[in-house]
Each structure stands twice: as structure tokens, then as C-alpha cells.
Amino acid sequence: MEEVIQQFLPLIIISIPIMFICRSIAIEKGKNVTLWTILGLIPGINIYSLL
């Protein structure tokens, strides 16, 4: 179980800055901030939400 957490932790650490970037872009564009903040936090989906 600890190995799974250790493997998932770097993805979360990388996702946190992407979450803030998605949030600021959503504010600038007038989109749903909560939705885009959550999408920016999910590993794998967060890269596509920036496109």
C-alpha cells in the first residue's frame, strides 16, 4: 500500500501547479472556475485541460 502512495505522490505534486494555472485561465476566460480547478488536479486529464 505504501508503494502505491509513493508512486502517486509525484503526480499530485506536479498537478498542484497545473491546478493553479487552469484556475487562473478559467478566471480570465470567464469559465466555470470550480470545474477547471478540479480538472487541473486530476493527473492525466490536467495536461489536456490546458489545451
C-alpha atoms as a PDB file:
ATOM      1  CA  MET A   1       0.000   0.000   0.000  1.00  0.00           C
ATOM      2  CA  GLU A   2       2.841   2.392   0.785  1.00  0.00           C
ATOM      3  CA  GLU A   3       4.365   1.772  -2.647  1.00  0.00           C
ATOM      4  CA  VAL A   4       1.158   2.882  -4.334  1.00  0.00           C
ATOM      5  CA  ILE A   5       1.118   6.116  -2.347  1.00  0.00           C
ATOM      6  CA  GLN A   6       4.800   6.719  -3.099  1.00  0.00           C
ATOM      7  CA  GLN A   7       4.177   6.252  -6.817  1.00  0.00           C
ATOM      8  CA  PHE A   8       1.123   8.519  -6.821  1.00  0.00           C
ATOM      9  CA  LEU A   9       2.672  11.345  -4.776  1.00  0.00           C
ATOM     10  CA  PRO A  10       4.851  12.819  -7.581  1.00  0.00           C
ATOM     11  CA  LEU A  11       1.785  13.056  -9.837  1.00  0.00           C
ATOM     12  CA  ILE A  12      -0.067  15.015  -7.172  1.00  0.00           C
ATOM     13  CA  ILE A  13       2.918  17.313  -6.602  1.00  0.00           C
ATOM     14  CA  ILE A  14       3.106  18.031 -10.346  1.00  0.00           C
ATOM     15  CA  SER A  15      -0.670  18.503 -10.542  1.00  0.00           C
ATOM     16  CA  ILE A  16      -0.833  21.264  -7.918  1.00  0.00           C
ATOM     17  CA  PRO A  17       0.855  23.987 -10.049  1.00  0.00           C
ATOM     18  CA  ILE A  18      -1.164  22.881 -13.083  1.00  0.00           C
ATOM     19  CA  MET A  19      -4.323  23.243 -10.985  1.00  0.00           C
ATOM     20  CA  PHE A  20      -3.493  26.886 -10.243  1.00  0.00           C
ATOM     21  CA  ILE A  21      -2.685  27.561 -13.903  1.00  0.00           C
ATOM     22  CA  CYS A  22      -6.021  26.047 -15.006  1.00  0.00           C
ATOM     23  CA  ARG A  23      -7.809  28.096 -12.352  1.00  0.00           C
ATOM     24  CA  SER A  24      -6.251  31.362 -13.497  1.00  0.00           C
ATOM     25  CA  ILE A  25      -7.015  30.611 -17.160  1.00  0.00           C
ATOM     26  CA  ALA A  26     -10.637  29.816 -16.252  1.00  0.00           C
ATOM     27  CA  ILE A  27     -10.945  33.133 -14.408  1.00  0.00           C
ATOM     28  CA  GLU A  28      -9.508  35.025 -17.393  1.00  0.00           C
ATOM     29  CA  LYS A  29     -11.862  33.331 -19.857  1.00  0.00           C
ATOM     30  CA  GLY A  30     -14.927  33.543 -17.603  1.00  0.00           C
ATOM     31  CA  LYS A  31     -15.416  29.761 -17.434  1.00  0.00           C
ATOM     32  CA  ASN A  32     -16.576  27.624 -14.501  1.00  0.00           C
ATOM     33  CA  VAL A  33     -13.656  28.014 -12.074  1.00  0.00           C
ATOM     34  CA  THR A  34     -14.566  25.056  -9.851  1.00  0.00           C
ATOM     35  CA  LEU A  35     -14.801  22.637 -12.773  1.00  0.00           C
ATOM     36  CA  TRP A  36     -11.496  23.661 -14.302  1.00  0.00           C
ATOM     37  CA  THR A  37      -9.738  23.650 -10.925  1.00  0.00           C
ATOM     38  CA  ILE A  38     -10.837  20.055 -10.313  1.00  0.00           C
ATOM     39  CA  LEU A  39      -9.887  19.031 -13.862  1.00  0.00           C
ATOM     40  CA  GLY A  40      -6.471  20.596 -13.324  1.00  0.00           C
ATOM     41  CA  LEU A  41      -5.943  18.475 -10.232  1.00  0.00           C
ATOM     42  CA  ILE A  42      -6.649  15.075 -11.846  1.00  0.00           C
ATOM     43  CA  PRO A  43      -3.409  13.504 -13.136  1.00  0.00           C
ATOM     44  CA  GLY A  44      -3.533  12.711 -16.841  1.00  0.00           C
ATOM     45  CA  ILE A  45      -6.524  14.919 -17.530  1.00  0.00           C
ATOM     46  CA  ASN A  46      -4.802  18.075 -16.319  1.00  0.00           C
ATOM     47  CA  ILE A  47      -2.482  18.279 -19.328  1.00  0.00           C
ATOM     48  CA  TYR A  48      -5.442  18.097 -21.722  1.00  0.00           C
ATOM     49  CA  SER A  49      -7.357  20.731 -19.777  1.00  0.00           C
ATOM     50  CA  LEU A  50      -4.616  23.238 -20.566  1.00  0.00           C
ATOM     51  CA  LEU A  51      -5.086  22.823 -24.329  1.00  0.00           C
END
